[in-house]
Amino acid sequence: MLKLIEITKIRPNNWFINREKLDKVRKALERGTELPPVLVTEIDAELALIDGHSRAFAAFERGETHVLAEILDIDKIEGSRALYEHIHREGSNIGVNTIADLASRIVEPDEHRRLWIGYCESWLDENEREQLRASEKARNTS
């Protein structure tokens, strides 16, 4: 479902913005290029921005109050539900509650890869190991 959503009502599900990607989005918007909608889901009764952080931030910078969003059930979104939920819940602990909070978290591409992609990959690896340990423990106790 496509819907216009108030930008400040969407909680980012990414803690950093890639400066290079953001610059490309800014230029596209300056040229009047129509960009795809952002991807939003609901986590813990809040709207969570899953994809399109650069688009939402650039729109916010331009003074736009709403963004076109595709709203999907979390189970219909590719990727790890557990990771999306973890990021959403942990975000407020590090001060990322609205798109405006990302203003001080715009980083160069290599830094984005290290800080964000690396964090997500490490979390997924650790989560998988925890699940394997729990599964093994359950087998050993039955």
N, C-alpha and C. Protein backbone atom coordinates (compact mmCIF):
# COMPACT_ATOMS: atom_id res chain seq x y z
N MET A 1 0.84 -1.17 0.00
CA MET A 1 0.00 0.00 0.00
C MET A 1 0.90 1.24 0.00
N LEU A 2 0.61 2.18 -0.89
CA LEU A 2 1.33 3.45 -0.93
C LEU A 2 0.56 4.50 -0.13
N LYS A 3 1.32 5.29 0.62
CA LYS A 3 0.69 6.30 1.46
C LYS A 3 1.68 7.43 1.74
N LEU A 4 1.19 8.65 1.80
CA LEU A 4 2.02 9.78 2.23
C LEU A 4 2.09 9.74 3.75
N ILE A 5 3.32 9.75 4.27
CA ILE A 5 3.51 9.66 5.72
C ILE A 5 4.36 10.84 6.19
N GLU A 6 3.99 11.37 7.34
CA GLU A 6 4.77 12.46 7.92
C GLU A 6 6.17 11.95 8.26
N ILE A 7 7.18 12.62 7.73
CA ILE A 7 8.56 12.18 7.89
C ILE A 7 8.95 12.03 9.36
N THR A 8 8.52 12.95 10.18
CA THR A 8 8.92 12.91 11.59
C THR A 8 8.24 11.78 12.38
N LYS A 9 7.29 11.10 11.77
CA LYS A 9 6.58 10.00 12.44
C LYS A 9 7.21 8.64 12.13
N ILE A 10 8.26 8.65 11.29
CA ILE A 10 8.90 7.41 10.88
C ILE A 10 10.22 7.27 11.63
N ARG A 11 10.44 6.14 12.27
CA ARG A 11 11.70 5.89 12.99
C ARG A 11 12.69 5.22 12.05
N PRO A 12 13.88 5.81 11.88
CA PRO A 12 14.89 5.19 11.01
C PRO A 12 15.32 3.83 11.51
N ASN A 13 15.53 2.93 10.58
CA ASN A 13 16.03 1.60 10.91
C ASN A 13 17.44 1.43 10.34
N ASN A 14 18.17 2.53 10.35
CA ASN A 14 19.56 2.60 9.92
C ASN A 14 20.15 3.74 10.74
N TRP A 15 21.32 3.56 11.28
CA TRP A 15 21.88 4.56 12.18
C TRP A 15 22.88 5.48 11.52
N PHE A 16 23.16 5.26 10.23
CA PHE A 16 24.11 6.09 9.51
C PHE A 16 23.63 6.28 8.07
N ILE A 17 23.99 7.40 7.48
CA ILE A 17 23.68 7.66 6.07
C ILE A 17 24.99 7.78 5.31
N ASN A 18 25.04 7.10 4.19
CA ASN A 18 26.19 7.14 3.29
C ASN A 18 26.17 8.48 2.56
N ARG A 19 27.17 9.32 2.81
CA ARG A 19 27.23 10.67 2.22
C ARG A 19 27.17 10.63 0.69
N GLU A 20 27.87 9.72 0.08
CA GLU A 20 27.90 9.63 -1.38
C GLU A 20 26.49 9.34 -1.93
N LYS A 21 25.82 8.41 -1.31
CA LYS A 21 24.45 8.08 -1.73
C LYS A 21 23.51 9.26 -1.50
N LEU A 22 23.66 9.92 -0.36
CA LEU A 22 22.83 11.08 -0.06
C LEU A 22 23.04 12.19 -1.08
N ASP A 23 24.29 12.43 -1.46
CA ASP A 23 24.58 13.46 -2.46
C ASP A 23 23.91 13.14 -3.79
N LYS A 24 23.89 11.88 -4.17
CA LYS A 24 23.23 11.47 -5.42
C LYS A 24 21.72 11.73 -5.34
N VAL A 25 21.14 11.43 -4.20
CA VAL A 25 19.71 11.66 -4.00
C VAL A 25 19.41 13.16 -4.03
N ARG A 26 20.24 13.94 -3.36
CA ARG A 26 20.05 15.40 -3.37
C ARG A 26 20.06 15.93 -4.80
N LYS A 27 21.03 15.51 -5.59
CA LYS A 27 21.14 15.97 -6.98
C LYS A 27 19.93 15.54 -7.80
N ALA A 28 19.47 14.33 -7.59
CA ALA A 28 18.30 13.83 -8.31
C ALA A 28 17.07 14.68 -7.97
N LEU A 29 16.91 15.01 -6.71
CA LEU A 29 15.77 15.83 -6.30
C LEU A 29 15.88 17.24 -6.88
N GLU A 30 17.09 17.78 -6.91
CA GLU A 30 17.30 19.11 -7.51
C GLU A 30 16.92 19.13 -8.99
N ARG A 31 17.17 18.02 -9.67
CA ARG A 31 16.81 17.91 -11.10
C ARG A 31 15.32 17.63 -11.30
N GLY A 32 14.62 17.36 -10.20
CA GLY A 32 13.20 17.05 -10.30
C GLY A 32 12.91 15.60 -10.62
N THR A 33 13.90 14.75 -10.43
CA THR A 33 13.73 13.33 -10.69
C THR A 33 12.77 12.72 -9.66
N GLU A 34 11.82 11.96 -10.13
CA GLU A 34 10.91 11.26 -9.22
C GLU A 34 11.60 10.01 -8.72
N LEU A 35 11.70 9.88 -7.42
CA LEU A 35 12.37 8.74 -6.81
C LEU A 35 11.34 7.74 -6.29
N PRO A 36 11.74 6.49 -6.17
CA PRO A 36 10.80 5.49 -5.66
C PRO A 36 10.39 5.79 -4.22
N PRO A 37 9.26 5.26 -3.81
CA PRO A 37 8.84 5.46 -2.41
C PRO A 37 9.80 4.78 -1.45
N VAL A 38 9.83 5.27 -0.23
CA VAL A 38 10.60 4.61 0.82
C VAL A 38 9.81 3.38 1.27
N LEU A 39 10.49 2.47 1.95
CA LEU A 39 9.84 1.25 2.44
C LEU A 39 9.69 1.34 3.95
N VAL A 40 8.46 1.17 4.40
CA VAL A 40 8.12 1.30 5.82
C VAL A 40 7.36 0.07 6.28
N THR A 41 7.60 -0.33 7.52
CA THR A 41 6.83 -1.39 8.15
C THR A 41 6.48 -0.95 9.56
N GLU A 42 5.73 -1.76 10.26
CA GLU A 42 5.40 -1.45 11.65
C GLU A 42 6.15 -2.40 12.57
N ILE A 43 6.84 -1.81 13.54
CA ILE A 43 7.54 -2.59 14.57
C ILE A 43 7.17 -1.97 15.91
N ASP A 44 6.69 -2.80 16.81
CA ASP A 44 6.30 -2.33 18.15
C ASP A 44 5.33 -1.15 18.06
N ALA A 45 4.37 -1.24 17.16
CA ALA A 45 3.33 -0.22 16.96
C ALA A 45 3.89 1.13 16.52
N GLU A 46 5.09 1.13 15.94
CA GLU A 46 5.69 2.35 15.40
C GLU A 46 6.03 2.12 13.94
N LEU A 47 6.04 3.20 13.16
CA LEU A 47 6.45 3.10 11.77
C LEU A 47 7.97 3.07 11.70
N ALA A 48 8.50 2.05 11.04
CA ALA A 48 9.95 1.87 10.93
C ALA A 48 10.36 2.01 9.46
N LEU A 49 11.31 2.88 9.21
CA LEU A 49 11.83 3.10 7.87
C LEU A 49 12.87 2.02 7.59
N ILE A 50 12.55 1.12 6.66
CA ILE A 50 13.42 0.00 6.35
C ILE A 50 14.38 0.35 5.21
N ASP A 51 13.87 1.01 4.20
CA ASP A 51 14.71 1.37 3.04
C ASP A 51 14.33 2.77 2.58
N GLY A 52 15.36 3.55 2.22
CA GLY A 52 15.10 4.90 1.72
C GLY A 52 15.51 5.98 2.69
N HIS A 53 16.49 5.70 3.53
CA HIS A 53 16.94 6.69 4.51
C HIS A 53 17.50 7.93 3.85
N SER A 54 18.27 7.76 2.78
CA SER A 54 18.82 8.92 2.07
C SER A 54 17.71 9.73 1.43
N ARG A 55 16.72 9.06 0.85
CA ARG A 55 15.58 9.77 0.24
C ARG A 55 14.78 10.53 1.29
N ALA A 56 14.51 9.89 2.41
CA ALA A 56 13.73 10.55 3.47
C ALA A 56 14.51 11.71 4.06
N PHE A 57 15.82 11.52 4.27
CA PHE A 57 16.62 12.60 4.86
C PHE A 57 16.70 13.78 3.90
N ALA A 58 16.93 13.51 2.62
CA ALA A 58 17.02 14.60 1.63
C ALA A 58 15.69 15.37 1.56
N ALA A 59 14.59 14.66 1.62
CA ALA A 59 13.28 15.33 1.62
C ALA A 59 13.13 16.18 2.87
N PHE A 60 13.54 15.66 4.01
CA PHE A 60 13.49 16.39 5.27
C PHE A 60 14.33 17.66 5.19
N GLU A 61 15.53 17.55 4.65
CA GLU A 61 16.41 18.71 4.48
C GLU A 61 15.76 19.80 3.62
N ARG A 62 15.00 19.37 2.64
CA ARG A 62 14.36 20.31 1.72
C ARG A 62 13.10 20.94 2.33
N GLY A 63 12.78 20.55 3.55
CA GLY A 63 11.61 21.11 4.22
C GLY A 63 10.31 20.39 3.92
N GLU A 64 10.41 19.27 3.23
CA GLU A 64 9.20 18.48 2.97
C GLU A 64 8.76 17.84 4.28
N THR A 65 7.46 17.78 4.47
CA THR A 65 6.94 17.22 5.72
C THR A 65 6.46 15.79 5.57
N HIS A 66 6.21 15.37 4.33
CA HIS A 66 5.71 14.02 4.09
C HIS A 66 6.55 13.34 3.01
N VAL A 67 6.54 12.03 3.04
CA VAL A 67 7.25 11.23 2.05
C VAL A 67 6.32 10.11 1.60
N LEU A 68 6.40 9.77 0.31
CA LEU A 68 5.61 8.66 -0.20
C LEU A 68 6.26 7.36 0.26
N ALA A 69 5.46 6.51 0.88
CA ALA A 69 5.99 5.27 1.44
C ALA A 69 5.17 4.07 0.98
N GLU A 70 5.89 3.01 0.71
CA GLU A 70 5.25 1.72 0.52
C GLU A 70 5.24 1.06 1.88
N ILE A 71 4.07 0.71 2.36
CA ILE A 71 3.94 0.12 3.69
C ILE A 71 3.69 -1.38 3.52
N LEU A 72 4.60 -2.17 4.07
CA LEU A 72 4.48 -3.63 3.97
C LEU A 72 4.54 -4.25 5.35
N ASP A 73 3.89 -5.39 5.49
CA ASP A 73 4.01 -6.19 6.70
C ASP A 73 5.46 -6.66 6.79
N ILE A 74 6.02 -6.68 7.96
CA ILE A 74 7.42 -7.05 8.14
C ILE A 74 7.74 -8.43 7.57
N ASP A 75 6.78 -9.34 7.59
CA ASP A 75 7.01 -10.68 7.07
C ASP A 75 7.11 -10.72 5.55
N LYS A 76 6.72 -9.65 4.89
CA LYS A 76 6.80 -9.58 3.43
C LYS A 76 8.06 -8.86 2.95
N ILE A 77 8.90 -8.43 3.88
CA ILE A 77 10.11 -7.69 3.54
C ILE A 77 11.30 -8.64 3.56
N GLU A 78 12.09 -8.57 2.48
CA GLU A 78 13.29 -9.39 2.39
C GLU A 78 14.28 -8.98 3.47
N GLY A 79 14.92 -9.95 4.06
CA GLY A 79 15.90 -9.67 5.10
C GLY A 79 15.49 -10.29 6.42
N SER A 80 16.30 -10.05 7.42
CA SER A 80 16.10 -10.65 8.73
C SER A 80 15.14 -9.83 9.59
N ARG A 81 14.01 -10.42 9.89
CA ARG A 81 13.05 -9.76 10.78
C ARG A 81 13.69 -9.47 12.13
N ALA A 82 14.46 -10.43 12.62
CA ALA A 82 15.11 -10.25 13.93
C ALA A 82 16.04 -9.04 13.90
N LEU A 83 16.78 -8.87 12.81
CA LEU A 83 17.68 -7.72 12.71
C LEU A 83 16.89 -6.43 12.66
N TYR A 84 15.83 -6.37 11.85
CA TYR A 84 15.01 -5.16 11.77
C TYR A 84 14.46 -4.79 13.14
N GLU A 85 13.98 -5.78 13.87
CA GLU A 85 13.42 -5.51 15.20
C GLU A 85 14.51 -5.06 16.18
N HIS A 86 15.66 -5.70 16.12
CA HIS A 86 16.78 -5.31 16.99
C HIS A 86 17.18 -3.86 16.73
N ILE A 87 17.37 -3.51 15.47
CA ILE A 87 17.79 -2.16 15.11
C ILE A 87 16.75 -1.14 15.58
N HIS A 88 15.49 -1.47 15.37
CA HIS A 88 14.42 -0.56 15.78
C HIS A 88 14.45 -0.32 17.28
N ARG A 89 14.57 -1.38 18.03
CA ARG A 89 14.54 -1.26 19.49
C ARG A 89 15.80 -0.62 20.04
N GLU A 90 16.93 -0.90 19.44
CA GLU A 90 18.20 -0.37 19.92
C GLU A 90 18.40 1.09 19.51
N GLY A 91 17.76 1.51 18.42
CA GLY A 91 17.93 2.86 17.90
C GLY A 91 17.67 3.95 18.92
N SER A 92 16.62 3.80 19.68
CA SER A 92 16.31 4.85 20.66
C SER A 92 17.38 4.91 21.76
N ASN A 93 18.02 3.79 22.04
CA ASN A 93 19.08 3.77 23.05
C ASN A 93 20.31 4.56 22.61
N ILE A 94 20.51 4.70 21.29
CA ILE A 94 21.66 5.45 20.81
C ILE A 94 21.25 6.83 20.27
N GLY A 95 19.98 7.17 20.45
CA GLY A 95 19.53 8.51 20.09
C GLY A 95 19.04 8.67 18.67
N VAL A 96 18.66 7.58 18.02
CA VAL A 96 18.11 7.67 16.67
C VAL A 96 16.61 7.36 16.74
N ASN A 97 15.84 8.43 16.82
CA ASN A 97 14.39 8.28 16.92
C ASN A 97 13.64 8.86 15.73
N THR A 98 14.23 9.86 15.09
CA THR A 98 13.60 10.47 13.91
C THR A 98 14.67 10.67 12.84
N ILE A 99 14.23 10.96 11.65
CA ILE A 99 15.15 11.18 10.54
C ILE A 99 16.10 12.34 10.84
N ALA A 100 15.65 13.33 11.60
CA ALA A 100 16.51 14.46 11.95
C ALA A 100 17.73 14.02 12.76
N ASP A 101 17.60 12.94 13.51
CA ASP A 101 18.70 12.44 14.33
C ASP A 101 19.86 11.93 13.49
N LEU A 102 19.63 11.70 12.21
CA LEU A 102 20.70 11.21 11.34
C LEU A 102 21.59 12.33 10.81
N ALA A 103 21.24 13.58 11.07
CA ALA A 103 22.03 14.71 10.56
C ALA A 103 23.49 14.64 11.00
N SER A 104 23.74 14.17 12.18
CA SER A 104 25.11 14.08 12.68
C SER A 104 25.73 12.70 12.41
N ARG A 105 25.03 11.89 11.62
CA ARG A 105 25.47 10.53 11.36
C ARG A 105 25.62 10.28 9.85
N ILE A 106 25.99 11.32 9.13
CA ILE A 106 26.24 11.19 7.70
C ILE A 106 27.74 10.94 7.55
N VAL A 107 28.08 9.80 6.96
CA VAL A 107 29.48 9.36 6.92
C VAL A 107 29.89 9.00 5.49
N GLU A 108 31.19 8.97 5.27
CA GLU A 108 31.73 8.59 3.98
C GLU A 108 31.44 7.10 3.72
N PRO A 109 31.44 6.69 2.44
CA PRO A 109 31.08 5.31 2.11
C PRO A 109 31.89 4.24 2.85
N ASP A 110 33.19 4.41 2.99
CA ASP A 110 33.99 3.40 3.69
C ASP A 110 33.62 3.34 5.17
N GLU A 111 33.32 4.49 5.74
CA GLU A 111 32.90 4.55 7.14
C GLU A 111 31.51 3.93 7.29
N HIS A 112 30.63 4.15 6.33
CA HIS A 112 29.30 3.54 6.36
C HIS A 112 29.42 2.02 6.32
N ARG A 113 30.29 1.55 5.46
CA ARG A 113 30.50 0.10 5.35
C ARG A 113 31.01 -0.46 6.69
N ARG A 114 31.96 0.22 7.28
CA ARG A 114 32.54 -0.25 8.53
C ARG A 114 31.55 -0.16 9.69
N LEU A 115 30.94 1.03 9.84
CA LEU A 115 30.06 1.27 10.99
C LEU A 115 28.72 0.56 10.87
N TRP A 116 28.13 0.61 9.68
CA TRP A 116 26.76 0.11 9.56
C TRP A 116 26.68 -1.30 9.00
N ILE A 117 27.24 -1.49 7.82
CA ILE A 117 27.16 -2.83 7.20
C ILE A 117 27.90 -3.83 8.09
N GLY A 118 29.07 -3.44 8.57
CA GLY A 118 29.82 -4.33 9.46
C GLY A 118 29.05 -4.67 10.73
N TYR A 119 28.39 -3.67 11.31
CA TYR A 119 27.59 -3.91 12.52
C TYR A 119 26.48 -4.93 12.23
N CYS A 120 25.75 -4.71 11.15
CA CYS A 120 24.63 -5.60 10.81
C CYS A 120 25.12 -7.02 10.53
N GLU A 121 26.21 -7.15 9.77
CA GLU A 121 26.75 -8.48 9.47
C GLU A 121 27.20 -9.18 10.75
N SER A 122 27.86 -8.47 11.64
CA SER A 122 28.31 -9.06 12.91
C SER A 122 27.12 -9.48 13.77
N TRP A 123 26.09 -8.62 13.81
CA TRP A 123 24.92 -8.95 14.61
C TRP A 123 24.24 -10.20 14.06
N LEU A 124 24.11 -10.28 12.74
CA LEU A 124 23.48 -11.46 12.13
C LEU A 124 24.28 -12.72 12.42
N ASP A 125 25.61 -12.64 12.32
CA ASP A 125 26.46 -13.81 12.63
C ASP A 125 26.28 -14.24 14.07
N GLU A 126 26.31 -13.28 15.00
CA GLU A 126 26.15 -13.62 16.42
C GLU A 126 24.77 -14.18 16.70
N ASN A 127 23.75 -13.61 16.10
CA ASN A 127 22.38 -14.09 16.29
C ASN A 127 22.25 -15.54 15.79
N GLU A 128 22.88 -15.84 14.66
CA GLU A 128 22.83 -17.20 14.12
C GLU A 128 23.53 -18.17 15.07
N ARG A 129 24.69 -17.75 15.61
CA ARG A 129 25.40 -18.61 16.57
C ARG A 129 24.54 -18.86 17.82
N GLU A 130 23.87 -17.82 18.31
CA GLU A 130 23.00 -17.97 19.48
C GLU A 130 21.86 -18.93 19.20
N GLN A 131 21.28 -18.84 18.02
CA GLN A 131 20.19 -19.75 17.65
C GLN A 131 20.68 -21.20 17.58
N LEU A 132 21.88 -21.39 17.02
CA LEU A 132 22.45 -22.74 16.95
C LEU A 132 22.72 -23.29 18.34
N ARG A 133 23.26 -22.45 19.24
CA ARG A 133 23.51 -22.89 20.62
C ARG A 133 22.20 -23.26 21.32
N ALA A 134 21.17 -22.45 21.13
CA ALA A 134 19.88 -22.72 21.75
C ALA A 134 19.28 -24.01 21.21
N SER A 135 19.40 -24.21 19.92
CA SER A 135 18.88 -25.42 19.28
C SER A 135 19.62 -26.65 19.80
N GLU A 136 20.93 -26.53 19.89
CA GLU A 136 21.76 -27.64 20.40
C GLU A 136 21.41 -27.95 21.85
N LYS A 137 21.23 -26.91 22.65
CA LYS A 137 20.88 -27.09 24.06
C LYS A 137 19.51 -27.77 24.18
N ALA A 138 18.55 -27.37 23.34
CA ALA A 138 17.22 -27.98 23.37
C ALA A 138 17.29 -29.47 23.01
N ARG A 139 18.12 -29.81 22.04
CA ARG A 139 18.28 -31.22 21.66
C ARG A 139 18.92 -32.03 22.78
N ASN A 140 19.86 -31.41 23.48
CA ASN A 140 20.57 -32.11 24.55
C ASN A 140 19.72 -32.31 25.80
N THR A 141 18.70 -31.48 25.98
CA THR A 141 17.86 -31.58 27.18
C THR A 141 16.61 -32.42 26.93
N SER A 142 16.41 -32.88 25.70
CA SER A 142 15.20 -33.69 25.45
C SER A 142 15.51 -35.16 25.34
